[in-house]
Amino acid sequence: MKILILISLFYCPLTFALTSKYYPLVYDSYLLEKKGDIPRAISKMTTIFKTQSDDYFVNLRLGELFTKDKKFKLAIDHFKRASRLQVEAIDPWFQISTIAFSEKDWAQVELATEEILKRDPLHLVGHIRSLTAQIETEKYSKAIERIEEILEHHPLNKELLELKARALQKNGDPVQSKKTLMELILIDPENVLAKSLLSEMKEP
């Protein structure tokens, strides 16, 4: 494992500022993480951060560890720092969107996914998280319009159809919502959401 970590660090272009003298600390951080000792893993990386605060990998790694330690504010701070160091990188914003999504911080989800989609307009998970945030913040019409556009490229995507059905129902269009749910059932006969919503619906 140690050899694999050191090789990956050596060849990763994003870690060019991180010299080999720090590799043992990085290795120790992974070993401690594997053992479940996240605070000590963070301590190893913090030691590096003191002199390598402008290294992309160090900030990304600290963001991941702080996320595991459920210190989300610190995690987001490091992910944002990493994003400033590698402005084209998607991973920091993806990690931020993951935290925000789990915390139901829909404003942060929209911000993070906007950054993801700037870098990769076809990023499907980015779209799905963004659309979920729009529905949760009652931007139903906008969400429906975007879902229709994305479904042209992913017509059998279950998550998109689920979001479309939810948005239509909340936007006061039970007929189209039911039609979408029936399409979803054809693709996924055991879909729990579709069955649940259909059972709640009354005939128009």
N, C-alpha and C. Protein backbone atom coordinates (compact mmCIF):
# COMPACT_ATOMS: atom_id res chain seq x y z
N MET A 1 0.82 -1.20 0.00
CA MET A 1 0.00 0.00 0.00
C MET A 1 0.86 1.26 0.00
N LYS A 2 1.94 1.23 0.81
CA LYS A 2 2.82 2.39 0.89
C LYS A 2 3.41 2.72 -0.47
N ILE A 3 3.84 1.69 -1.19
CA ILE A 3 4.45 1.89 -2.50
C ILE A 3 3.44 2.52 -3.46
N LEU A 4 2.20 2.02 -3.43
CA LEU A 4 1.17 2.55 -4.34
C LEU A 4 0.88 4.01 -4.05
N ILE A 5 0.80 4.37 -2.76
CA ILE A 5 0.54 5.76 -2.40
C ILE A 5 1.67 6.66 -2.88
N LEU A 6 2.91 6.23 -2.65
CA LEU A 6 4.06 7.05 -3.03
C LEU A 6 4.16 7.20 -4.54
N ILE A 7 3.86 6.11 -5.27
CA ILE A 7 3.88 6.19 -6.73
C ILE A 7 2.82 7.17 -7.22
N SER A 8 1.62 7.08 -6.66
CA SER A 8 0.53 7.96 -7.10
C SER A 8 0.86 9.42 -6.82
N LEU A 9 1.49 9.68 -5.68
CA LEU A 9 1.88 11.05 -5.36
C LEU A 9 2.95 11.56 -6.32
N PHE A 10 3.89 10.68 -6.66
CA PHE A 10 5.00 11.07 -7.52
C PHE A 10 4.52 11.48 -8.90
N TYR A 11 3.53 10.71 -9.42
CA TYR A 11 3.09 10.95 -10.79
C TYR A 11 1.90 11.91 -10.91
N CYS A 12 1.26 12.25 -9.80
CA CYS A 12 0.10 13.15 -9.87
C CYS A 12 0.56 14.57 -10.15
N PRO A 13 0.12 15.20 -11.27
CA PRO A 13 0.59 16.54 -11.61
C PRO A 13 0.12 17.60 -10.65
N LEU A 14 -0.91 17.30 -9.86
CA LEU A 14 -1.45 18.30 -8.95
C LEU A 14 -0.64 18.39 -7.65
N THR A 15 0.33 17.52 -7.48
CA THR A 15 1.09 17.52 -6.24
C THR A 15 2.54 17.94 -6.47
N PHE A 16 2.77 18.68 -7.55
CA PHE A 16 4.14 19.03 -7.90
C PHE A 16 4.85 19.82 -6.81
N ALA A 17 4.09 20.54 -5.97
CA ALA A 17 4.72 21.35 -4.93
C ALA A 17 5.07 20.53 -3.70
N LEU A 18 4.59 19.30 -3.65
CA LEU A 18 4.78 18.47 -2.46
C LEU A 18 6.01 17.59 -2.66
N THR A 19 7.10 17.91 -1.96
CA THR A 19 8.35 17.17 -2.14
C THR A 19 8.30 15.84 -1.39
N SER A 20 9.24 14.97 -1.73
CA SER A 20 9.21 13.60 -1.23
C SER A 20 9.37 13.50 0.29
N LYS A 21 9.93 14.53 0.91
CA LYS A 21 10.11 14.45 2.36
C LYS A 21 8.78 14.40 3.11
N TYR A 22 7.70 14.81 2.44
CA TYR A 22 6.38 14.79 3.08
C TYR A 22 5.63 13.48 2.86
N TYR A 23 6.10 12.65 1.95
CA TYR A 23 5.37 11.43 1.60
C TYR A 23 5.13 10.50 2.80
N PRO A 24 6.11 10.33 3.72
CA PRO A 24 5.83 9.47 4.89
C PRO A 24 4.65 9.97 5.72
N LEU A 25 4.50 11.29 5.85
CA LEU A 25 3.36 11.83 6.60
C LEU A 25 2.05 11.56 5.87
N VAL A 26 2.08 11.67 4.55
CA VAL A 26 0.88 11.38 3.76
C VAL A 26 0.51 9.91 3.91
N TYR A 27 1.52 9.05 3.80
CA TYR A 27 1.28 7.62 3.98
C TYR A 27 0.68 7.33 5.35
N ASP A 28 1.26 7.94 6.38
CA ASP A 28 0.75 7.74 7.74
C ASP A 28 -0.71 8.18 7.85
N SER A 29 -1.05 9.26 7.16
CA SER A 29 -2.44 9.75 7.23
C SER A 29 -3.41 8.73 6.65
N TYR A 30 -3.01 8.08 5.55
CA TYR A 30 -3.87 7.05 4.96
C TYR A 30 -3.96 5.82 5.86
N LEU A 31 -2.84 5.47 6.46
CA LEU A 31 -2.82 4.31 7.35
C LEU A 31 -3.70 4.55 8.57
N LEU A 32 -3.60 5.75 9.13
CA LEU A 32 -4.43 6.10 10.31
C LEU A 32 -5.90 6.18 9.93
N GLU A 33 -6.18 6.70 8.75
CA GLU A 33 -7.58 6.76 8.28
C GLU A 33 -8.15 5.35 8.15
N LYS A 34 -7.34 4.43 7.61
CA LYS A 34 -7.79 3.05 7.45
C LYS A 34 -8.10 2.42 8.80
N LYS A 35 -7.34 2.81 9.83
CA LYS A 35 -7.56 2.29 11.18
C LYS A 35 -8.71 2.99 11.90
N GLY A 36 -9.23 4.05 11.27
CA GLY A 36 -10.34 4.78 11.88
C GLY A 36 -9.92 5.91 12.79
N ASP A 37 -8.62 6.20 12.82
CA ASP A 37 -8.11 7.27 13.69
C ASP A 37 -8.02 8.56 12.87
N ILE A 38 -9.17 9.14 12.60
CA ILE A 38 -9.23 10.33 11.74
C ILE A 38 -8.52 11.54 12.37
N PRO A 39 -8.70 11.82 13.67
CA PRO A 39 -8.00 12.98 14.27
C PRO A 39 -6.49 12.94 14.08
N ARG A 40 -5.89 11.78 14.24
CA ARG A 40 -4.44 11.67 14.05
C ARG A 40 -4.05 11.78 12.58
N ALA A 41 -4.92 11.26 11.71
CA ALA A 41 -4.68 11.41 10.27
C ALA A 41 -4.69 12.90 9.90
N ILE A 42 -5.64 13.63 10.46
CA ILE A 42 -5.71 15.08 10.23
C ILE A 42 -4.45 15.75 10.74
N SER A 43 -3.99 15.32 11.91
CA SER A 43 -2.78 15.90 12.50
C SER A 43 -1.58 15.74 11.57
N LYS A 44 -1.45 14.59 10.94
CA LYS A 44 -0.33 14.35 10.01
C LYS A 44 -0.39 15.33 8.83
N MET A 45 -1.59 15.50 8.28
CA MET A 45 -1.73 16.40 7.14
C MET A 45 -1.62 17.86 7.55
N THR A 46 -2.05 18.18 8.77
CA THR A 46 -1.92 19.56 9.25
C THR A 46 -0.46 19.95 9.40
N THR A 47 0.37 18.99 9.78
CA THR A 47 1.81 19.24 9.86
C THR A 47 2.35 19.67 8.50
N ILE A 48 1.90 19.01 7.45
CA ILE A 48 2.32 19.38 6.10
C ILE A 48 1.75 20.74 5.72
N PHE A 49 0.50 20.96 6.07
CA PHE A 49 -0.20 22.20 5.70
C PHE A 49 0.52 23.44 6.23
N LYS A 50 1.19 23.31 7.36
CA LYS A 50 1.88 24.46 7.97
C LYS A 50 2.91 25.07 7.03
N THR A 51 3.51 24.23 6.19
CA THR A 51 4.51 24.74 5.26
C THR A 51 4.09 24.61 3.79
N GLN A 52 3.00 23.86 3.56
CA GLN A 52 2.55 23.62 2.18
C GLN A 52 1.08 23.98 2.03
N SER A 53 0.71 25.13 2.54
CA SER A 53 -0.71 25.53 2.54
C SER A 53 -1.26 25.81 1.14
N ASP A 54 -0.37 26.00 0.18
CA ASP A 54 -0.81 26.28 -1.18
C ASP A 54 -0.68 25.06 -2.09
N ASP A 55 -0.66 23.89 -1.50
CA ASP A 55 -0.63 22.66 -2.29
C ASP A 55 -2.05 22.13 -2.46
N TYR A 56 -2.43 21.88 -3.71
CA TYR A 56 -3.78 21.40 -4.01
C TYR A 56 -4.10 20.10 -3.29
N PHE A 57 -3.21 19.13 -3.41
CA PHE A 57 -3.47 17.82 -2.82
C PHE A 57 -3.63 17.91 -1.30
N VAL A 58 -2.79 18.69 -0.63
CA VAL A 58 -2.86 18.80 0.83
C VAL A 58 -4.22 19.33 1.26
N ASN A 59 -4.71 20.34 0.56
CA ASN A 59 -6.02 20.90 0.91
C ASN A 59 -7.16 19.94 0.59
N LEU A 60 -7.03 19.25 -0.53
CA LEU A 60 -8.07 18.27 -0.88
C LEU A 60 -8.11 17.15 0.15
N ARG A 61 -6.93 16.69 0.53
CA ARG A 61 -6.83 15.60 1.51
C ARG A 61 -7.39 16.03 2.86
N LEU A 62 -7.05 17.24 3.31
CA LEU A 62 -7.59 17.73 4.58
C LEU A 62 -9.11 17.89 4.50
N GLY A 63 -9.60 18.34 3.35
CA GLY A 63 -11.05 18.45 3.18
C GLY A 63 -11.73 17.11 3.33
N GLU A 64 -11.14 16.07 2.73
CA GLU A 64 -11.71 14.72 2.83
C GLU A 64 -11.70 14.22 4.27
N LEU A 65 -10.60 14.46 4.97
CA LEU A 65 -10.49 13.98 6.35
C LEU A 65 -11.43 14.74 7.28
N PHE A 66 -11.51 16.05 7.12
CA PHE A 66 -12.44 16.82 7.96
C PHE A 66 -13.89 16.43 7.68
N THR A 67 -14.18 16.04 6.43
CA THR A 67 -15.53 15.55 6.11
C THR A 67 -15.81 14.27 6.89
N LYS A 68 -14.85 13.36 6.90
CA LYS A 68 -15.03 12.10 7.64
C LYS A 68 -15.17 12.36 9.14
N ASP A 69 -14.53 13.43 9.62
CA ASP A 69 -14.60 13.78 11.03
C ASP A 69 -15.82 14.65 11.34
N LYS A 70 -16.65 14.87 10.30
CA LYS A 70 -17.89 15.66 10.40
C LYS A 70 -17.64 17.11 10.84
N LYS A 71 -16.48 17.62 10.50
CA LYS A 71 -16.17 19.03 10.72
C LYS A 71 -16.31 19.72 9.36
N PHE A 72 -17.59 19.93 9.00
CA PHE A 72 -17.90 20.30 7.63
C PHE A 72 -17.41 21.71 7.26
N LYS A 73 -17.46 22.63 8.19
CA LYS A 73 -17.01 23.99 7.87
C LYS A 73 -15.53 23.99 7.51
N LEU A 74 -14.73 23.28 8.30
CA LEU A 74 -13.30 23.19 8.00
C LEU A 74 -13.07 22.46 6.68
N ALA A 75 -13.86 21.41 6.44
CA ALA A 75 -13.74 20.67 5.18
C ALA A 75 -14.00 21.59 4.00
N ILE A 76 -15.08 22.34 4.06
CA ILE A 76 -15.44 23.24 2.96
C ILE A 76 -14.37 24.31 2.76
N ASP A 77 -13.82 24.82 3.85
CA ASP A 77 -12.75 25.82 3.74
C ASP A 77 -11.57 25.27 2.94
N HIS A 78 -11.19 24.02 3.22
CA HIS A 78 -10.06 23.42 2.50
C HIS A 78 -10.42 23.10 1.06
N PHE A 79 -11.64 22.64 0.83
CA PHE A 79 -12.05 22.37 -0.55
C PHE A 79 -12.06 23.66 -1.38
N LYS A 80 -12.53 24.74 -0.79
CA LYS A 80 -12.56 26.02 -1.52
C LYS A 80 -11.14 26.51 -1.78
N ARG A 81 -10.27 26.30 -0.81
CA ARG A 81 -8.87 26.68 -1.02
C ARG A 81 -8.27 25.86 -2.17
N ALA A 82 -8.57 24.56 -2.18
CA ALA A 82 -8.09 23.70 -3.26
C ALA A 82 -8.63 24.18 -4.60
N SER A 83 -9.88 24.59 -4.63
CA SER A 83 -10.47 25.05 -5.89
C SER A 83 -9.80 26.32 -6.40
N ARG A 84 -9.33 27.15 -5.50
CA ARG A 84 -8.61 28.36 -5.93
C ARG A 84 -7.22 28.03 -6.47
N LEU A 85 -6.67 26.93 -5.98
CA LEU A 85 -5.33 26.52 -6.42
C LEU A 85 -5.36 25.80 -7.76
N GLN A 86 -6.46 25.12 -8.03
CA GLN A 86 -6.66 24.45 -9.33
C GLN A 86 -8.06 24.81 -9.81
N VAL A 87 -8.13 25.95 -10.50
CA VAL A 87 -9.44 26.53 -10.80
C VAL A 87 -10.29 25.67 -11.73
N GLU A 88 -9.67 24.80 -12.51
CA GLU A 88 -10.43 23.95 -13.43
C GLU A 88 -10.87 22.64 -12.78
N ALA A 89 -10.41 22.38 -11.58
CA ALA A 89 -10.71 21.10 -10.94
C ALA A 89 -12.18 21.02 -10.52
N ILE A 90 -12.78 19.87 -10.76
CA ILE A 90 -14.17 19.64 -10.39
C ILE A 90 -14.28 19.06 -8.97
N ASP A 91 -13.32 18.23 -8.59
CA ASP A 91 -13.44 17.46 -7.35
C ASP A 91 -13.72 18.31 -6.11
N PRO A 92 -13.05 19.45 -5.90
CA PRO A 92 -13.36 20.23 -4.69
C PRO A 92 -14.82 20.65 -4.62
N TRP A 93 -15.36 21.08 -5.75
CA TRP A 93 -16.77 21.51 -5.76
C TRP A 93 -17.71 20.33 -5.64
N PHE A 94 -17.31 19.19 -6.19
CA PHE A 94 -18.13 17.99 -6.03
C PHE A 94 -18.20 17.58 -4.56
N GLN A 95 -17.06 17.66 -3.88
CA GLN A 95 -17.02 17.32 -2.46
C GLN A 95 -17.87 18.29 -1.64
N ILE A 96 -17.82 19.57 -1.99
CA ILE A 96 -18.65 20.56 -1.29
C ILE A 96 -20.13 20.26 -1.51
N SER A 97 -20.48 19.91 -2.76
CA SER A 97 -21.89 19.61 -3.05
C SER A 97 -22.34 18.37 -2.28
N THR A 98 -21.44 17.42 -2.08
CA THR A 98 -21.78 16.20 -1.33
C THR A 98 -22.10 16.54 0.12
N ILE A 99 -21.26 17.38 0.73
CA ILE A 99 -21.51 17.81 2.11
C ILE A 99 -22.83 18.57 2.19
N ALA A 100 -23.00 19.55 1.30
CA ALA A 100 -24.20 20.39 1.33
C ALA A 100 -25.46 19.56 1.10
N PHE A 101 -25.38 18.59 0.20
CA PHE A 101 -26.53 17.73 -0.10
C PHE A 101 -26.91 16.92 1.14
N SER A 102 -25.91 16.37 1.82
CA SER A 102 -26.19 15.56 3.01
C SER A 102 -26.77 16.41 4.14
N GLU A 103 -26.40 17.70 4.17
CA GLU A 103 -26.88 18.61 5.20
C GLU A 103 -28.16 19.36 4.77
N LYS A 104 -28.61 19.10 3.56
CA LYS A 104 -29.78 19.77 2.99
C LYS A 104 -29.61 21.29 2.97
N ASP A 105 -28.38 21.71 2.71
CA ASP A 105 -28.08 23.13 2.54
C ASP A 105 -28.22 23.44 1.06
N TRP A 106 -29.45 23.70 0.64
CA TRP A 106 -29.76 23.77 -0.78
C TRP A 106 -29.11 24.96 -1.46
N ALA A 107 -28.92 26.07 -0.76
CA ALA A 107 -28.24 27.22 -1.35
C ALA A 107 -26.79 26.86 -1.69
N GLN A 108 -26.14 26.15 -0.77
CA GLN A 108 -24.76 25.72 -1.01
C GLN A 108 -24.70 24.67 -2.12
N VAL A 109 -25.70 23.81 -2.18
CA VAL A 109 -25.75 22.81 -3.27
C VAL A 109 -25.82 23.52 -4.62
N GLU A 110 -26.69 24.52 -4.71
CA GLU A 110 -26.83 25.24 -5.98
C GLU A 110 -25.52 25.95 -6.36
N LEU A 111 -24.88 26.55 -5.37
CA LEU A 111 -23.61 27.24 -5.64
C LEU A 111 -22.55 26.25 -6.13
N ALA A 112 -22.41 25.13 -5.41
CA ALA A 112 -21.37 24.15 -5.75
C ALA A 112 -21.64 23.50 -7.10
N THR A 113 -22.89 23.14 -7.36
CA THR A 113 -23.19 22.48 -8.63
C THR A 113 -23.08 23.45 -9.80
N GLU A 114 -23.33 24.72 -9.56
CA GLU A 114 -23.11 25.71 -10.61
C GLU A 114 -21.64 25.71 -11.03
N GLU A 115 -20.75 25.62 -10.04
CA GLU A 115 -19.32 25.58 -10.34
C GLU A 115 -18.94 24.29 -11.06
N ILE A 116 -19.55 23.17 -10.66
CA ILE A 116 -19.30 21.90 -11.34
C ILE A 116 -19.70 22.00 -12.81
N LEU A 117 -20.89 22.53 -13.05
CA LEU A 117 -21.43 22.57 -14.41
C LEU A 117 -20.74 23.61 -15.29
N LYS A 118 -20.12 24.59 -14.67
CA LYS A 118 -19.28 25.51 -15.45
C LYS A 118 -18.10 24.76 -16.07
N ARG A 119 -17.57 23.82 -15.31
CA ARG A 119 -16.40 23.07 -15.72
C ARG A 119 -16.76 21.86 -16.59
N ASP A 120 -17.93 21.30 -16.34
CA ASP A 120 -18.39 20.14 -17.12
C ASP A 120 -19.91 20.23 -17.28
N PRO A 121 -20.37 20.86 -18.36
CA PRO A 121 -21.81 21.05 -18.56
C PRO A 121 -22.63 19.77 -18.64
N LEU A 122 -21.96 18.63 -18.86
CA LEU A 122 -22.67 17.36 -18.99
C LEU A 122 -22.57 16.50 -17.73
N HIS A 123 -22.09 17.06 -16.65
CA HIS A 123 -21.91 16.31 -15.40
C HIS A 123 -23.28 15.93 -14.84
N LEU A 124 -23.65 14.66 -14.99
CA LEU A 124 -25.01 14.23 -14.66
C LEU A 124 -25.33 14.35 -13.17
N VAL A 125 -24.42 13.91 -12.32
CA VAL A 125 -24.66 14.02 -10.87
C VAL A 125 -24.79 15.48 -10.47
N GLY A 126 -23.98 16.33 -11.08
CA GLY A 126 -24.09 17.77 -10.81
C GLY A 126 -25.48 18.29 -11.17
N HIS A 127 -25.99 17.87 -12.32
CA HIS A 127 -27.34 18.28 -12.73
C HIS A 127 -28.39 17.75 -11.75
N ILE A 128 -28.29 16.50 -11.38
CA ILE A 128 -29.29 15.89 -10.50
C ILE A 128 -29.31 16.58 -9.13
N ARG A 129 -28.14 16.88 -8.59
CA ARG A 129 -28.09 17.59 -7.30
C ARG A 129 -28.63 19.01 -7.43
N SER A 130 -28.28 19.66 -8.52
CA SER A 130 -28.76 21.02 -8.76
C SER A 130 -30.29 21.04 -8.89
N LEU A 131 -30.83 20.09 -9.65
CA LEU A 131 -32.28 20.01 -9.84
C LEU A 131 -33.00 19.69 -8.53
N THR A 132 -32.42 18.82 -7.74
CA THR A 132 -33.00 18.51 -6.43
C THR A 132 -33.09 19.77 -5.58
N ALA A 133 -32.02 20.56 -5.59
CA ALA A 133 -32.00 21.81 -4.82
C ALA A 133 -33.06 22.77 -5.33
N GLN A 134 -33.25 22.83 -6.64
CA GLN A 134 -34.28 23.72 -7.19
C GLN A 134 -35.67 23.28 -6.76
N ILE A 135 -35.91 21.98 -6.77
CA ILE A 135 -37.22 21.48 -6.34
C ILE A 135 -37.44 21.74 -4.86
N GLU A 136 -36.41 21.51 -4.05
CA GLU A 136 -36.53 21.73 -2.61
C GLU A 136 -36.74 23.20 -2.28
N THR A 137 -36.31 24.10 -3.17
CA THR A 137 -36.51 25.54 -2.93
C THR A 137 -37.65 26.09 -3.79
N GLU A 138 -38.51 25.16 -4.27
CA GLU A 138 -39.77 25.49 -4.94
C GLU A 138 -39.60 26.21 -6.27
N LYS A 139 -38.51 25.94 -6.96
CA LYS A 139 -38.30 26.50 -8.31
C LYS A 139 -38.74 25.43 -9.32
N TYR A 140 -40.01 25.09 -9.24
CA TYR A 140 -40.51 23.92 -9.97
C TYR A 140 -40.46 24.09 -11.48
N SER A 141 -40.93 25.20 -11.98
CA SER A 141 -40.99 25.39 -13.44
C SER A 141 -39.60 25.36 -14.06
N LYS A 142 -38.67 26.02 -13.40
CA LYS A 142 -37.29 26.03 -13.90
C LYS A 142 -36.70 24.62 -13.90
N ALA A 143 -36.99 23.88 -12.83
CA ALA A 143 -36.48 22.51 -12.74
C ALA A 143 -37.07 21.63 -13.83
N ILE A 144 -38.36 21.74 -14.05
CA ILE A 144 -39.03 20.92 -15.07
C ILE A 144 -38.45 21.19 -16.46
N GLU A 145 -38.24 22.46 -16.77
CA GLU A 145 -37.67 22.84 -18.07
C GLU A 145 -36.28 22.23 -18.25
N ARG A 146 -35.46 22.30 -17.21
CA ARG A 146 -34.10 21.74 -17.29
C ARG A 146 -34.13 20.22 -17.39
N ILE A 147 -35.03 19.58 -16.64
CA ILE A 147 -35.13 18.12 -16.68
C ILE A 147 -35.49 17.65 -18.09
N GLU A 148 -36.42 18.34 -18.71
CA GLU A 148 -36.83 17.98 -20.08
C GLU A 148 -35.63 18.02 -21.02
N GLU A 149 -34.79 19.04 -20.86
CA GLU A 149 -33.61 19.17 -21.73
C GLU A 149 -32.62 18.02 -21.49
N ILE A 150 -32.42 17.68 -20.22
CA ILE A 150 -31.43 16.64 -19.90
C ILE A 150 -31.96 15.26 -20.28
N LEU A 151 -33.27 15.07 -20.16
CA LEU A 151 -33.86 13.78 -20.54
C LEU A 151 -33.70 13.47 -22.03
N GLU A 152 -33.49 14.49 -22.84
CA GLU A 152 -33.23 14.26 -24.26
C GLU A 152 -31.95 13.45 -24.45
N HIS A 153 -31.02 13.62 -23.53
CA HIS A 153 -29.75 12.90 -23.61
C HIS A 153 -29.76 11.63 -22.74
N HIS A 154 -30.62 11.62 -21.72
CA HIS A 154 -30.69 10.47 -20.79
C HIS A 154 -32.16 10.08 -20.58
N PRO A 155 -32.83 9.60 -21.64
CA PRO A 155 -34.28 9.36 -21.56
C PRO A 155 -34.69 8.27 -20.57
N LEU A 156 -33.79 7.37 -20.22
CA LEU A 156 -34.14 6.27 -19.32
C LEU A 156 -33.57 6.45 -17.92
N ASN A 157 -33.12 7.65 -17.60
CA ASN A 157 -32.53 7.88 -16.29
C ASN A 157 -33.62 7.95 -15.21
N LYS A 158 -33.57 7.02 -14.28
CA LYS A 158 -34.62 6.90 -13.25
C LYS A 158 -34.65 8.11 -12.33
N GLU A 159 -33.47 8.60 -11.95
CA GLU A 159 -33.43 9.75 -11.03
C GLU A 159 -34.04 10.99 -11.66
N LEU A 160 -33.77 11.20 -12.94
CA LEU A 160 -34.35 12.35 -13.62
C LEU A 160 -35.87 12.24 -13.71
N LEU A 161 -36.35 11.04 -14.01
CA LEU A 161 -37.80 10.84 -14.08
C LEU A 161 -38.46 11.01 -12.72
N GLU A 162 -37.79 10.56 -11.67
CA GLU A 162 -38.31 10.77 -10.31
C GLU A 162 -38.41 12.26 -10.00
N LEU A 163 -37.36 13.00 -10.34
CA LEU A 163 -37.37 14.44 -10.08
C LEU A 163 -38.45 15.14 -10.90
N LYS A 164 -38.60 14.71 -12.15
CA LYS A 164 -39.64 15.32 -12.99
C LYS A 164 -41.03 15.08 -12.41
N ALA A 165 -41.30 13.85 -11.98
CA ALA A 165 -42.61 13.52 -11.40
C ALA A 165 -42.88 14.35 -10.15
N ARG A 166 -41.87 14.46 -9.28
CA ARG A 166 -42.01 15.25 -8.05
C ARG A 166 -42.27 16.72 -8.37
N ALA A 167 -41.49 17.26 -9.31
CA ALA A 167 -41.64 18.68 -9.66
C ALA A 167 -43.00 18.96 -10.27
N LEU A 168 -43.46 18.07 -11.14
CA LEU A 168 -44.78 18.25 -11.76
C LEU A 168 -45.89 18.20 -10.72
N GLN A 169 -45.78 17.24 -9.81
CA GLN A 169 -46.80 17.12 -8.77
C GLN A 169 -46.84 18.36 -7.89
N LYS A 170 -45.66 18.83 -7.47
CA LYS A 170 -45.61 20.01 -6.61
C LYS A 170 -46.01 21.29 -7.35
N ASN A 171 -45.85 21.25 -8.68
CA ASN A 171 -46.22 22.42 -9.49
C ASN A 171 -47.68 22.40 -9.89
N GLY A 172 -48.43 21.44 -9.37
CA GLY A 172 -49.87 21.39 -9.61
C GLY A 172 -50.26 20.77 -10.93
N ASP A 173 -49.50 19.78 -11.40
CA ASP A 173 -49.83 19.11 -12.66
C ASP A 173 -49.85 17.60 -12.43
N PRO A 174 -50.88 17.09 -11.74
CA PRO A 174 -50.93 15.67 -11.41
C PRO A 174 -51.05 14.76 -12.63
N VAL A 175 -51.66 15.24 -13.71
CA VAL A 175 -51.83 14.41 -14.90
C VAL A 175 -50.47 14.07 -15.51
N GLN A 176 -49.65 15.10 -15.72
CA GLN A 176 -48.31 14.88 -16.28
C GLN A 176 -47.40 14.14 -15.30
N SER A 177 -47.61 14.41 -14.03
CA SER A 177 -46.83 13.70 -13.01
C SER A 177 -47.12 12.20 -13.07
N LYS A 178 -48.40 11.87 -13.16
CA LYS A 178 -48.78 10.46 -13.23
C LYS A 178 -48.24 9.82 -14.50
N LYS A 179 -48.28 10.54 -15.62
CA LYS A 179 -47.75 10.03 -16.88
C LYS A 179 -46.26 9.72 -16.74
N THR A 180 -45.55 10.61 -16.08
CA THR A 180 -44.10 10.42 -15.88
C THR A 180 -43.85 9.22 -14.98
N LEU A 181 -44.67 9.07 -13.94
CA LEU A 181 -44.52 7.94 -13.02
C LEU A 181 -44.77 6.61 -13.73
N MET A 182 -45.74 6.60 -14.65
CA MET A 182 -46.01 5.37 -15.42
C MET A 182 -44.83 5.02 -16.32
N GLU A 183 -44.18 6.05 -16.89
CA GLU A 183 -42.97 5.82 -17.68
C GLU A 183 -41.88 5.22 -16.79
N LEU A 184 -41.80 5.74 -15.59
CA LEU A 184 -40.79 5.27 -14.64
C LEU A 184 -41.04 3.81 -14.25
N ILE A 185 -42.31 3.46 -14.05
CA ILE A 185 -42.66 2.08 -13.70
C ILE A 185 -42.29 1.11 -14.83
N LEU A 186 -42.43 1.56 -16.07
CA LEU A 186 -42.06 0.71 -17.20
C LEU A 186 -40.56 0.40 -17.20
N ILE A 187 -39.77 1.40 -16.78
CA ILE A 187 -38.32 1.22 -16.72
C ILE A 187 -37.91 0.46 -15.48
N ASP A 188 -38.58 0.78 -14.36
CA ASP A 188 -38.22 0.21 -13.07
C ASP A 188 -39.50 -0.20 -12.33
N PRO A 189 -40.01 -1.40 -12.62
CA PRO A 189 -41.30 -1.84 -12.06
C PRO A 189 -41.37 -1.82 -10.53
N GLU A 190 -40.23 -1.92 -9.87
CA GLU A 190 -40.23 -1.95 -8.40
C GLU A 190 -39.85 -0.60 -7.79
N ASN A 191 -39.91 0.46 -8.57
CA ASN A 191 -39.51 1.77 -8.06
C ASN A 191 -40.40 2.20 -6.90
N VAL A 192 -39.79 2.40 -5.75
CA VAL A 192 -40.54 2.68 -4.52
C VAL A 192 -41.23 4.03 -4.59
N LEU A 193 -40.52 5.06 -5.06
CA LEU A 193 -41.10 6.40 -5.14
C LEU A 193 -42.30 6.42 -6.07
N ALA A 194 -42.16 5.80 -7.24
CA ALA A 194 -43.26 5.78 -8.20
C ALA A 194 -44.49 5.10 -7.63
N LYS A 195 -44.28 3.96 -6.98
CA LYS A 195 -45.41 3.24 -6.38
C LYS A 195 -46.07 4.07 -5.28
N SER A 196 -45.25 4.72 -4.47
CA SER A 196 -45.78 5.51 -3.38
C SER A 196 -46.59 6.70 -3.87
N LEU A 197 -46.06 7.42 -4.84
CA LEU A 197 -46.76 8.61 -5.36
C LEU A 197 -48.03 8.20 -6.11
N LEU A 198 -47.96 7.11 -6.87
CA LEU A 198 -49.14 6.66 -7.60
C LEU A 198 -50.27 6.24 -6.65
N SER A 199 -49.88 5.63 -5.55
CA SER A 199 -50.89 5.19 -4.58
C SER A 199 -51.56 6.37 -3.88
N GLU A 200 -50.86 7.49 -3.83
CA GLU A 200 -51.40 8.69 -3.18
C GLU A 200 -52.26 9.50 -4.12
N MET A 201 -52.08 9.30 -5.40
CA MET A 201 -52.78 10.13 -6.38
C MET A 201 -54.24 9.73 -6.55
N LYS A 202 -55.05 10.72 -6.76
CA LYS A 202 -56.45 10.48 -7.06
C LYS A 202 -56.63 10.62 -8.57
N GLU A 203 -57.60 9.92 -9.10
CA GLU A 203 -57.88 10.06 -10.52
C GLU A 203 -58.33 11.48 -10.81
N PRO A 204 -57.78 12.15 -11.85
CA PRO A 204 -58.19 13.50 -12.19
C PRO A 204 -59.62 13.54 -12.68
